[in-house]
C-alpha atoms as a PDB file:
ATOM      1  CA  MET A   1     -35.264  60.735 -20.685  1.00  0.00           C
ATOM      2  CA  SER A   2     -35.642  56.967 -20.826  1.00  0.00           C
ATOM      3  CA  LEU A   3     -33.387  54.450 -19.119  1.00  0.00           C
ATOM      4  CA  PRO A   4     -32.803  50.764 -19.919  1.00  0.00           C
ATOM      5  CA  GLY A   5     -35.949  48.788 -19.184  1.00  0.00           C
ATOM      6  CA  GLY A   6     -38.276  51.679 -19.946  1.00  0.00           C
ATOM      7  CA  PRO A   7     -38.340  53.912 -16.837  1.00  0.00           C
ATOM      8  CA  CYS A   8     -38.578  57.607 -17.633  1.00  0.00           C
ATOM      9  CA  LEU A   9     -36.892  60.197 -15.449  1.00  0.00           C
ATOM     10  CA  THR A  10     -36.502  63.945 -15.643  1.00  0.00           C
ATOM     11  CA  LEU A  11     -33.023  65.426 -15.192  1.00  0.00           C
ATOM     12  CA  ALA A  12     -32.688  69.175 -14.623  1.00  0.00           C
ATOM     13  CA  VAL A  13     -29.435  71.155 -14.736  1.00  0.00           C
ATOM     14  CA  VAL A  14     -29.222  74.650 -13.209  1.00  0.00           C
ATOM     15  CA  PRO A  15     -26.103  76.858 -13.429  1.00  0.00           C
ATOM     16  CA  LEU A  16     -25.216  78.496 -10.124  1.00  0.00           C
ATOM     17  CA  ALA A  17     -24.453  81.872 -11.762  1.00  0.00           C
ATOM     18  CA  PRO A  18     -28.065  83.101 -12.293  1.00  0.00           C
ATOM     19  CA  VAL A  19     -29.077  81.885  -8.827  1.00  0.00           C
ATOM     20  CA  ARG A  20     -26.096  83.717  -7.346  1.00  0.00           C
ATOM     21  CA  LEU A  21     -27.084  86.873  -9.229  1.00  0.00           C
ATOM     22  CA  ALA A  22     -30.746  86.602  -8.213  1.00  0.00           C
ATOM     23  CA  TRP A  23     -29.771  86.190  -4.582  1.00  0.00           C
ATOM     24  CA  ALA A  24     -27.259  89.042  -4.625  1.00  0.00           C
ATOM     25  CA  SER A  25     -29.571  91.520  -6.390  1.00  0.00           C
ATOM     26  CA  HIS A  26     -32.766  90.733  -4.495  1.00  0.00           C
ATOM     27  CA  PRO A  27     -32.514  88.034  -1.787  1.00  0.00           C
ATOM     28  CA  GLU A  28     -35.555  85.776  -1.897  1.00  0.00           C
ATOM     29  CA  GLY A  29     -37.169  87.930  -4.624  1.00  0.00           C
ATOM     30  CA  MET A  30     -37.227  85.841  -7.801  1.00  0.00           C
ATOM     31  CA  LEU A  31     -36.469  82.706  -5.832  1.00  0.00           C
ATOM     32  CA  ARG A  32     -39.670  83.180  -3.830  1.00  0.00           C
ATOM     33  CA  THR A  33     -41.675  82.379  -6.968  1.00  0.00           C
ATOM     34  CA  VAL A  34     -40.086  78.916  -7.066  1.00  0.00           C
ATOM     35  CA  LEU A  35     -39.227  78.021  -3.477  1.00  0.00           C
ATOM     36  CA  THR A  36     -41.490  78.061  -0.434  1.00  0.00           C
ATOM     37  CA  GLN A  37     -40.696  80.164   2.617  1.00  0.00           C
ATOM     38  CA  ALA A  38     -39.736  76.992   4.480  1.00  0.00           C
ATOM     39  CA  GLU A  39     -37.300  76.008   1.725  1.00  0.00           C
ATOM     40  CA  LEU A  40     -35.724  79.463   1.744  1.00  0.00           C
ATOM     41  CA  ALA A  41     -35.425  79.312   5.530  1.00  0.00           C
ATOM     42  CA  VAL A  42     -33.628  75.960   5.386  1.00  0.00           C
ATOM     43  CA  SER A  43     -31.099  77.440   2.965  1.00  0.00           C
ATOM     44  CA  GLY A  44     -30.248  79.947   5.684  1.00  0.00           C
ATOM     45  CA  MET A  45     -28.585  77.173   7.660  1.00  0.00           C
ATOM     46  CA  HIS A  46     -25.679  77.489   5.224  1.00  0.00           C
ATOM     47  CA  ARG A  47     -23.664  80.429   6.555  1.00  0.00           C
ATOM     48  CA  VAL A  48     -21.103  80.315   3.734  1.00  0.00           C
ATOM     49  CA  PRO A  49     -22.704  82.284   0.863  1.00  0.00           C
ATOM     50  CA  GLU A  50     -21.497  79.963  -1.898  1.00  0.00           C
ATOM     51  CA  ARG A  51     -22.869  76.900  -0.108  1.00  0.00           C
ATOM     52  CA  ARG A  52     -26.201  78.662   0.286  1.00  0.00           C
ATOM     53  CA  VAL A  53     -26.260  79.463  -3.442  1.00  0.00           C
ATOM     54  CA  ALA A  54     -25.500  75.812  -4.263  1.00  0.00           C
ATOM     55  CA  HIS A  55     -28.275  74.651  -1.938  1.00  0.00           C
ATOM     56  CA  LEU A  56     -30.758  77.066  -3.523  1.00  0.00           C
ATOM     57  CA  ALA A  57     -29.746  76.054  -7.067  1.00  0.00           C
ATOM     58  CA  GLY A  58     -30.236  72.399  -6.157  1.00  0.00           C
ATOM     59  CA  ARG A  59     -33.758  73.109  -4.905  1.00  0.00           C
ATOM     60  CA  VAL A  60     -34.561  75.091  -8.062  1.00  0.00           C
ATOM     61  CA  ALA A  61     -33.326  72.155 -10.160  1.00  0.00           C
ATOM     62  CA  ALA A  62     -35.441  69.752  -8.097  1.00  0.00           C
ATOM     63  CA  LYS A  63     -38.598  71.840  -8.557  1.00  0.00           C
ATOM     64  CA  SER A  64     -37.979  72.012 -12.311  1.00  0.00           C
ATOM     65  CA  ALA A  65     -37.429  68.250 -12.578  1.00  0.00           C
ATOM     66  CA  LEU A  66     -40.525  67.469 -10.516  1.00  0.00           C
ATOM     67  CA  LEU A  67     -42.787  69.833 -12.464  1.00  0.00           C
ATOM     68  CA  HIS A  68     -41.662  68.401 -15.809  1.00  0.00           C
ATOM     69  CA  GLN A  69     -41.961  64.806 -14.573  1.00  0.00           C
ATOM     70  CA  LEU A  70     -45.525  65.390 -13.335  1.00  0.00           C
ATOM     71  CA  GLY A  71     -46.387  67.455 -16.412  1.00  0.00           C
ATOM     72  CA  ALA A  72     -45.521  64.490 -18.625  1.00  0.00           C
ATOM     73  CA  LEU A  73     -48.273  62.605 -16.763  1.00  0.00           C
ATOM     74  CA  GLY A  74     -50.757  65.412 -17.336  1.00  0.00           C
ATOM     75  CA  VAL A  75     -50.465  66.795 -13.787  1.00  0.00           C
ATOM     76  CA  ARG A  76     -50.107  70.585 -14.048  1.00  0.00           C
ATOM     77  CA  LEU A  77     -48.793  72.270 -10.923  1.00  0.00           C
ATOM     78  CA  VAL A  78     -46.855  75.394 -10.059  1.00  0.00           C
ATOM     79  CA  ALA A  79     -43.638  75.316  -8.079  1.00  0.00           C
ATOM     80  CA  GLN A  80     -45.209  76.630  -4.861  1.00  0.00           C
ATOM     81  CA  GLU A  81     -47.582  73.630  -4.767  1.00  0.00           C
ATOM     82  CA  LEU A  82     -44.607  71.315  -4.233  1.00  0.00           C
ATOM     83  CA  GLY A  83     -42.547  71.150  -1.074  1.00  0.00           C
ATOM     84  CA  ILE A  84     -39.068  69.720  -0.573  1.00  0.00           C
ATOM     85  CA  SER A  85     -37.872  68.930   2.938  1.00  0.00           C
ATOM     86  CA  GLN A  86     -35.263  66.427   4.044  1.00  0.00           C
ATOM     87  CA  VAL A  87     -34.797  63.509   6.397  1.00  0.00           C
ATOM     88  CA  MET A  88     -33.421  65.022   9.588  1.00  0.00           C
ATOM     89  CA  ALA A  89     -32.027  61.955  11.366  1.00  0.00           C
ATOM     90  CA  GLY A  90     -31.146  58.308  10.876  1.00  0.00           C
ATOM     91  CA  PRO A  91     -29.219  56.502   8.134  1.00  0.00           C
ATOM     92  CA  GLU A  92     -30.884  58.586   5.387  1.00  0.00           C
ATOM     93  CA  GLN A  93     -30.260  61.960   7.014  1.00  0.00           C
ATOM     94  CA  GLY A  94     -30.190  64.697   4.383  1.00  0.00           C
ATOM     95  CA  ARG A  95     -32.187  62.759   1.768  1.00  0.00           C
ATOM     96  CA  PRO A  96     -34.777  65.021   0.043  1.00  0.00           C
ATOM     97  CA  VAL A  97     -38.457  64.324   0.729  1.00  0.00           C
ATOM     98  CA  VAL A  98     -41.142  65.606  -1.669  1.00  0.00           C
ATOM     99  CA  GLN A  99     -44.565  66.841  -0.519  1.00  0.00           C
ATOM    100  CA  VAL A 100     -47.268  66.893  -3.216  1.00  0.00           C
ATOM    101  CA  PRO A 101     -50.943  67.948  -3.194  1.00  0.00           C
ATOM    102  CA  PRO A 102     -53.567  65.252  -2.446  1.00  0.00           C
ATOM    103  CA  GLY A 103     -54.246  63.054  -5.447  1.00  0.00           C
ATOM    104  CA  THR A 104     -50.851  63.754  -7.017  1.00  0.00           C
ATOM    105  CA  PRO A 105     -48.586  60.764  -7.773  1.00  0.00           C
ATOM    106  CA  ALA A 106     -45.857  60.276  -5.192  1.00  0.00           C
ATOM    107  CA  CYS A 107     -42.446  61.519  -6.335  1.00  0.00           C
ATOM    108  CA  ASP A 108     -38.844  60.844  -5.479  1.00  0.00           C
ATOM    109  CA  VAL A 109     -36.022  63.288  -6.147  1.00  0.00           C
ATOM    110  CA  SER A 110     -32.261  63.360  -5.726  1.00  0.00           C
ATOM    111  CA  ILE A 111     -30.024  66.447  -5.827  1.00  0.00           C
ATOM    112  CA  SER A 112     -26.318  67.126  -6.319  1.00  0.00           C
ATOM    113  CA  HIS A 113     -24.112  70.109  -7.061  1.00  0.00           C
ATOM    114  CA  SER A 114     -20.467  70.728  -7.860  1.00  0.00           C
ATOM    115  CA  LYS A 115     -18.458  73.738  -8.949  1.00  0.00           C
ATOM    116  CA  ASP A 116     -20.759  75.803 -11.244  1.00  0.00           C
ATOM    117  CA  LEU A 117     -23.706  73.424 -11.690  1.00  0.00           C
ATOM    118  CA  ALA A 118     -26.551  71.895  -9.711  1.00  0.00           C
ATOM    119  CA  VAL A 119     -28.517  68.871 -10.924  1.00  0.00           C
ATOM    120  CA  ALA A 120     -31.645  67.043  -9.824  1.00  0.00           C
ATOM    121  CA  VAL A 121     -33.407  63.934 -11.064  1.00  0.00           C
ATOM    122  CA  ALA A 122     -37.080  63.120 -10.411  1.00  0.00           C
ATOM    123  CA  THR A 123     -39.292  60.065 -10.819  1.00  0.00           C
ATOM    124  CA  THR A 124     -42.869  59.087 -10.045  1.00  0.00           C
ATOM    125  CA  GLY A 125     -41.997  55.430  -9.516  1.00  0.00           C
ATOM    126  CA  GLY A 126     -39.226  53.947  -7.382  1.00  0.00           C
ATOM    127  CA  ARG A 127     -36.133  55.656  -6.027  1.00  0.00           C
ATOM    128  CA  VAL A 128     -33.417  57.687  -7.679  1.00  0.00           C
ATOM    129  CA  GLY A 129     -29.892  58.771  -6.870  1.00  0.00           C
ATOM    130  CA  VAL A 130     -27.716  61.342  -8.642  1.00  0.00           C
ATOM    131  CA  ASP A 131     -24.196  62.607  -8.132  1.00  0.00           C
ATOM    132  CA  LEU A 132     -22.265  65.304  -9.976  1.00  0.00           C
ATOM    133  CA  GLU A 133     -18.541  65.890  -9.459  1.00  0.00           C
ATOM    134  CA  ALA A 134     -15.958  68.164 -11.019  1.00  0.00           C
ATOM    135  CA  VAL A 135     -13.208  65.979 -12.469  1.00  0.00           C
ATOM    136  CA  ARG A 136      -9.992  66.462 -10.490  1.00  0.00           C
ATOM    137  CA  PRO A 137      -6.927  64.512  -9.398  1.00  0.00           C
ATOM    138  CA  ARG A 138      -7.407  62.450  -6.255  1.00  0.00           C
ATOM    139  CA  GLY A 139      -4.937  62.132  -3.408  1.00  0.00           C
ATOM    140  CA  PRO A 140      -2.820  59.126  -2.423  1.00  0.00           C
ATOM    141  CA  GLY A 141      -4.829  56.191  -1.180  1.00  0.00           C
ATOM    142  CA  PHE A 142      -8.088  57.399  -2.740  1.00  0.00           C
ATOM    143  CA  HIS A 143      -8.507  54.335  -4.950  1.00  0.00           C
ATOM    144  CA  ASP A 144      -8.070  51.807  -2.143  1.00  0.00           C
ATOM    145  CA  GLU A 145     -10.213  53.803   0.278  1.00  0.00           C
ATOM    146  CA  VAL A 146     -13.206  54.141  -2.039  1.00  0.00           C
ATOM    147  CA  PHE A 147     -13.111  51.233  -4.495  1.00  0.00           C
ATOM    148  CA  THR A 148     -12.896  47.471  -4.149  1.00  0.00           C
ATOM    149  CA  ALA A 149     -10.325  45.568  -6.197  1.00  0.00           C
ATOM    150  CA  VAL A 150     -13.110  44.488  -8.597  1.00  0.00           C
ATOM    151  CA  GLU A 151     -14.215  48.087  -9.115  1.00  0.00           C
ATOM    152  CA  GLN A 152     -10.670  49.329  -9.665  1.00  0.00           C
ATOM    153  CA  ASP A 153     -10.094  46.631 -12.274  1.00  0.00           C
ATOM    154  CA  TRP A 154     -13.347  47.512 -14.066  1.00  0.00           C
ATOM    155  CA  LEU A 155     -12.622  51.240 -14.151  1.00  0.00           C
ATOM    156  CA  MET A 156      -9.109  50.707 -15.473  1.00  0.00           C
ATOM    157  CA  ARG A 157     -10.461  48.462 -18.233  1.00  0.00           C
ATOM    158  CA  CYS A 158     -13.042  51.144 -19.097  1.00  0.00           C
ATOM    159  CA  GLN A 159     -10.247  53.703 -19.300  1.00  0.00           C
ATOM    160  CA  HIS A 160      -8.477  51.633 -21.944  1.00  0.00           C
ATOM    161  CA  HIS A 161     -11.700  50.775 -23.796  1.00  0.00           C
ATOM    162  CA  HIS A 162     -13.082  54.325 -24.004  1.00  0.00           C
ATOM    163  CA  GLY A 163      -9.784  56.194 -24.103  1.00  0.00           C
ATOM    164  CA  ARG A 164     -10.713  58.512 -21.230  1.00  0.00           C
ATOM    165  CA  GLU A 165      -8.294  60.129 -18.806  1.00  0.00           C
ATOM    166  CA  PRO A 166      -7.760  58.239 -15.522  1.00  0.00           C
ATOM    167  CA  ASP A 167      -9.053  61.157 -13.433  1.00  0.00           C
ATOM    168  CA  GLU A 168     -12.288  61.113 -15.444  1.00  0.00           C
ATOM    169  CA  LEU A 169     -12.953  57.441 -14.775  1.00  0.00           C
ATOM    170  CA  TRP A 170     -12.089  57.642 -11.075  1.00  0.00           C
ATOM    171  CA  SER A 171     -14.417  60.632 -10.742  1.00  0.00           C
ATOM    172  CA  LEU A 172     -17.137  58.753 -12.610  1.00  0.00           C
ATOM    173  CA  GLY A 173     -16.663  55.772 -10.318  1.00  0.00           C
ATOM    174  CA  TRP A 174     -17.010  58.045  -7.291  1.00  0.00           C
ATOM    175  CA  CYS A 175     -20.234  59.446  -8.758  1.00  0.00           C
ATOM    176  CA  LEU A 176     -21.600  55.944  -9.263  1.00  0.00           C
ATOM    177  CA  LYS A 177     -20.982  54.988  -5.662  1.00  0.00           C
ATOM    178  CA  GLU A 178     -22.470  58.228  -4.324  1.00  0.00           C
ATOM    179  CA  ALA A 179     -25.538  57.839  -6.567  1.00  0.00           C
ATOM    180  CA  LEU A 180     -25.880  54.232  -5.442  1.00  0.00           C
ATOM    181  CA  VAL A 181     -25.900  55.028  -1.726  1.00  0.00           C
ATOM    182  CA  LYS A 182     -28.427  57.816  -2.347  1.00  0.00           C
ATOM    183  CA  GLN A 183     -30.653  55.517  -4.385  1.00  0.00           C
ATOM    184  CA  THR A 184     -30.528  52.602  -1.934  1.00  0.00           C
ATOM    185  CA  GLY A 185     -30.387  54.666   1.249  1.00  0.00           C
ATOM    186  CA  HIS A 186     -27.565  52.461   2.545  1.00  0.00           C
ATOM    187  CA  GLY A 187     -24.200  53.831   3.558  1.00  0.00           C
ATOM    188  CA  LEU A 188     -25.017  57.543   3.422  1.00  0.00           C
ATOM    189  CA  ARG A 189     -23.088  58.026   6.639  1.00  0.00           C
ATOM    190  CA  ASP A 190     -20.706  55.105   6.254  1.00  0.00           C
ATOM    191  CA  SER A 191     -17.857  53.916   4.060  1.00  0.00           C
ATOM    192  CA  LEU A 192     -18.476  53.725   0.330  1.00  0.00           C
ATOM    193  CA  GLN A 193     -16.999  50.236   0.510  1.00  0.00           C
ATOM    194  CA  GLN A 194     -20.369  49.075   1.904  1.00  0.00           C
ATOM    195  CA  VAL A 195     -22.000  49.396  -1.500  1.00  0.00           C
ATOM    196  CA  GLY A 196     -20.394  48.566  -4.796  1.00  0.00           C
ATOM    197  CA  PHE A 197     -20.621  47.358  -8.355  1.00  0.00           C
ATOM    198  CA  SER A 198     -18.985  44.718 -10.503  1.00  0.00           C
ATOM    199  CA  GLY A 199     -19.460  46.609 -13.770  1.00  0.00           C
ATOM    200  CA  TRP A 200     -22.182  47.726 -16.133  1.00  0.00           C
ATOM    201  CA  GLU A 201     -23.704  46.963 -19.511  1.00  0.00           C
ATOM    202  CA  GLU A 202     -23.937  49.897 -21.926  1.00  0.00           C
ATOM    203  CA  HIS A 203     -27.045  50.505 -24.040  1.00  0.00           C
ATOM    204  CA  GLY A 204     -25.957  53.374 -26.258  1.00  0.00           C
ATOM    205  CA  PRO A 205     -25.495  57.094 -25.628  1.00  0.00           C
ATOM    206  CA  VAL A 206     -27.944  59.321 -23.778  1.00  0.00           C
ATOM    207  CA  PRO A 207     -30.418  60.453 -26.491  1.00  0.00           C
ATOM    208  CA  THR A 208     -30.757  64.045 -25.250  1.00  0.00           C
ATOM    209  CA  VAL A 209     -28.178  66.749 -24.558  1.00  0.00           C
ATOM    210  CA  ILE A 210     -27.283  67.333 -20.910  1.00  0.00           C
ATOM    211  CA  PRO A 211     -26.393  71.051 -20.690  1.00  0.00           C
ATOM    212  CA  GLY A 212     -22.930  71.729 -19.337  1.00  0.00           C
ATOM    213  CA  LEU A 213     -21.828  68.123 -19.889  1.00  0.00           C
ATOM    214  CA  THR A 214     -22.678  66.351 -23.134  1.00  0.00           C
ATOM    215  CA  ASP A 215     -22.824  69.579 -25.141  1.00  0.00           C
ATOM    216  CA  ALA A 216     -19.040  69.912 -24.611  1.00  0.00           C
ATOM    217  CA  PRO A 217     -16.498  68.694 -27.216  1.00  0.00           C
ATOM    218  CA  GLY A 218     -15.354  65.119 -26.636  1.00  0.00           C
ATOM    219  CA  ALA A 219     -18.168  64.333 -24.197  1.00  0.00           C
ATOM    220  CA  PHE A 220     -19.125  60.761 -23.326  1.00  0.00           C
ATOM    221  CA  SER A 221     -22.526  59.455 -22.292  1.00  0.00           C
ATOM    222  CA  ALA A 222     -24.108  56.044 -21.909  1.00  0.00           C
ATOM    223  CA  ARG A 223     -27.317  54.509 -20.680  1.00  0.00           C
ATOM    224  CA  ILE A 224     -26.379  51.572 -18.491  1.00  0.00           C
ATOM    225  CA  THR A 225     -27.552  48.643 -16.421  1.00  0.00           C
ATOM    226  CA  LEU A 226     -25.331  48.636 -13.345  1.00  0.00           C
ATOM    227  CA  ASN A 227     -24.447  45.366 -11.647  1.00  0.00           C
ATOM    228  CA  ALA A 228     -24.862  46.593  -8.068  1.00  0.00           C
ATOM    229  CA  MET A 229     -23.567  44.613  -5.096  1.00  0.00           C
ATOM    230  CA  GLY A 230     -24.213  44.807  -1.364  1.00  0.00           C
ATOM    231  CA  PRO A 231     -27.434  46.164   0.231  1.00  0.00           C
ATOM    232  CA  GLY A 232     -30.084  46.753  -2.408  1.00  0.00           C
ATOM    233  CA  GLY A 233     -27.933  44.937  -4.981  1.00  0.00           C
ATOM    234  CA  GLY A 234     -28.943  43.625  -8.385  1.00  0.00           C
ATOM    235  CA  PRO A 235     -29.388  45.284 -11.784  1.00  0.00           C
ATOM    236  CA  VAL A 236     -30.024  49.037 -11.576  1.00  0.00           C
ATOM    237  CA  ALA A 237     -30.866  51.261 -14.554  1.00  0.00           C
ATOM    238  CA  GLY A 238     -28.887  54.450 -14.975  1.00  0.00           C
ATOM    239  CA  LEU A 239     -26.889  56.809 -17.100  1.00  0.00           C
ATOM    240  CA  LEU A 240     -23.329  58.101 -17.048  1.00  0.00           C
ATOM    241  CA  ALA A 241     -21.831  61.249 -18.539  1.00  0.00           C
ATOM    242  CA  LEU A 242     -18.415  62.899 -18.804  1.00  0.00           C
ATOM    243  CA  GLY A 243     -17.876  66.327 -20.304  1.00  0.00           C
ATOM    244  CA  GLY A 244     -17.205  69.966 -19.577  1.00  0.00           C
ATOM    245  CA  GLY A 245     -14.924  68.972 -16.699  1.00  0.00           C
ATOM    246  CA  TYR A 246     -17.708  67.075 -14.897  1.00  0.00           C
ATOM    247  CA  ALA A 247     -18.702  63.485 -14.190  1.00  0.00           C
ATOM    248  CA  LEU A 248     -22.354  62.535 -13.670  1.00  0.00           C
ATOM    249  CA  ALA A 249     -24.132  59.357 -12.594  1.00  0.00           C
ATOM    250  CA  VAL A 250     -27.901  58.824 -12.334  1.00  0.00           C
ATOM    251  CA  LEU A 251     -29.400  55.585 -10.992  1.00  0.00           C
ATOM    252  CA  HIS A 252     -32.998  54.392 -10.696  1.00  0.00           C
ATOM    253  CA  MET A 253     -34.527  51.421  -8.924  1.00  0.00           C
ATOM    254  CA  PRO A 254     -38.179  50.745  -9.850  1.00  0.00           C
ATOM    255  CA  GLU A 255     -40.762  50.531  -7.103  1.00  0.00           C
ATOM    256  CA  VAL A 256     -40.983  47.030  -5.649  1.00  0.00           C
ATOM    257  CA  ARG A 257     -44.619  45.993  -5.586  1.00  0.00           C
ATOM    258  CA  SER A 258     -45.823  43.384  -3.126  1.00  0.00           C
ATOM    259  CA  ALA A 259     -47.498  40.283  -4.523  1.00  0.00           C
END
């Protein structure tokens, strides 16, 4: 799908149910055709079965997004030719890292999962960040802990403008901030107050259906240019979606080329 300014990304959505079934019926069987032995071994660090299923579904989504993104450039690979590890220490700990065969364009990928879905977004230029959250009420103090006064004012105005429920907009705002820290690499282990936004410009709805979200009745989607503030600030292309009980934010910063 295209974002404002022309960048093209691939977004993949994977339900957890078939991954859960595949794992329960034949651990590593069908999944071994998609994930490497190293990727399956890393999933074993999650001792809670449902967290392991979510991790596996996220990796399956990432492989799908990467293969489609490269395929659009005429690069035909199979899933086992790609590797996904993660940064093990430092401010970007946990960020996915993609290994590709020699001569293949470098790729960036971001992964998120919530409730019954896992999502991944891939690009061959720049950096991406994605966050998916199930819409739910937030506890006392959530707004002031996560959002600046400017952000709270913007989200409340969006609520009135779009006629969405407050919980939807607060969840969407949370997704934006999580996607922003993933995309910039700043604040992954710190307060979300370190990165922020002053608002966004909308450029029309997302032109393709996002399964599990925008195929639901009353869904909302928009391609945006986010006015990001703080480290890595400036205009950032992205998309937002609400539907099916979920909020989704995808952000992309093009590769900065030296003069």
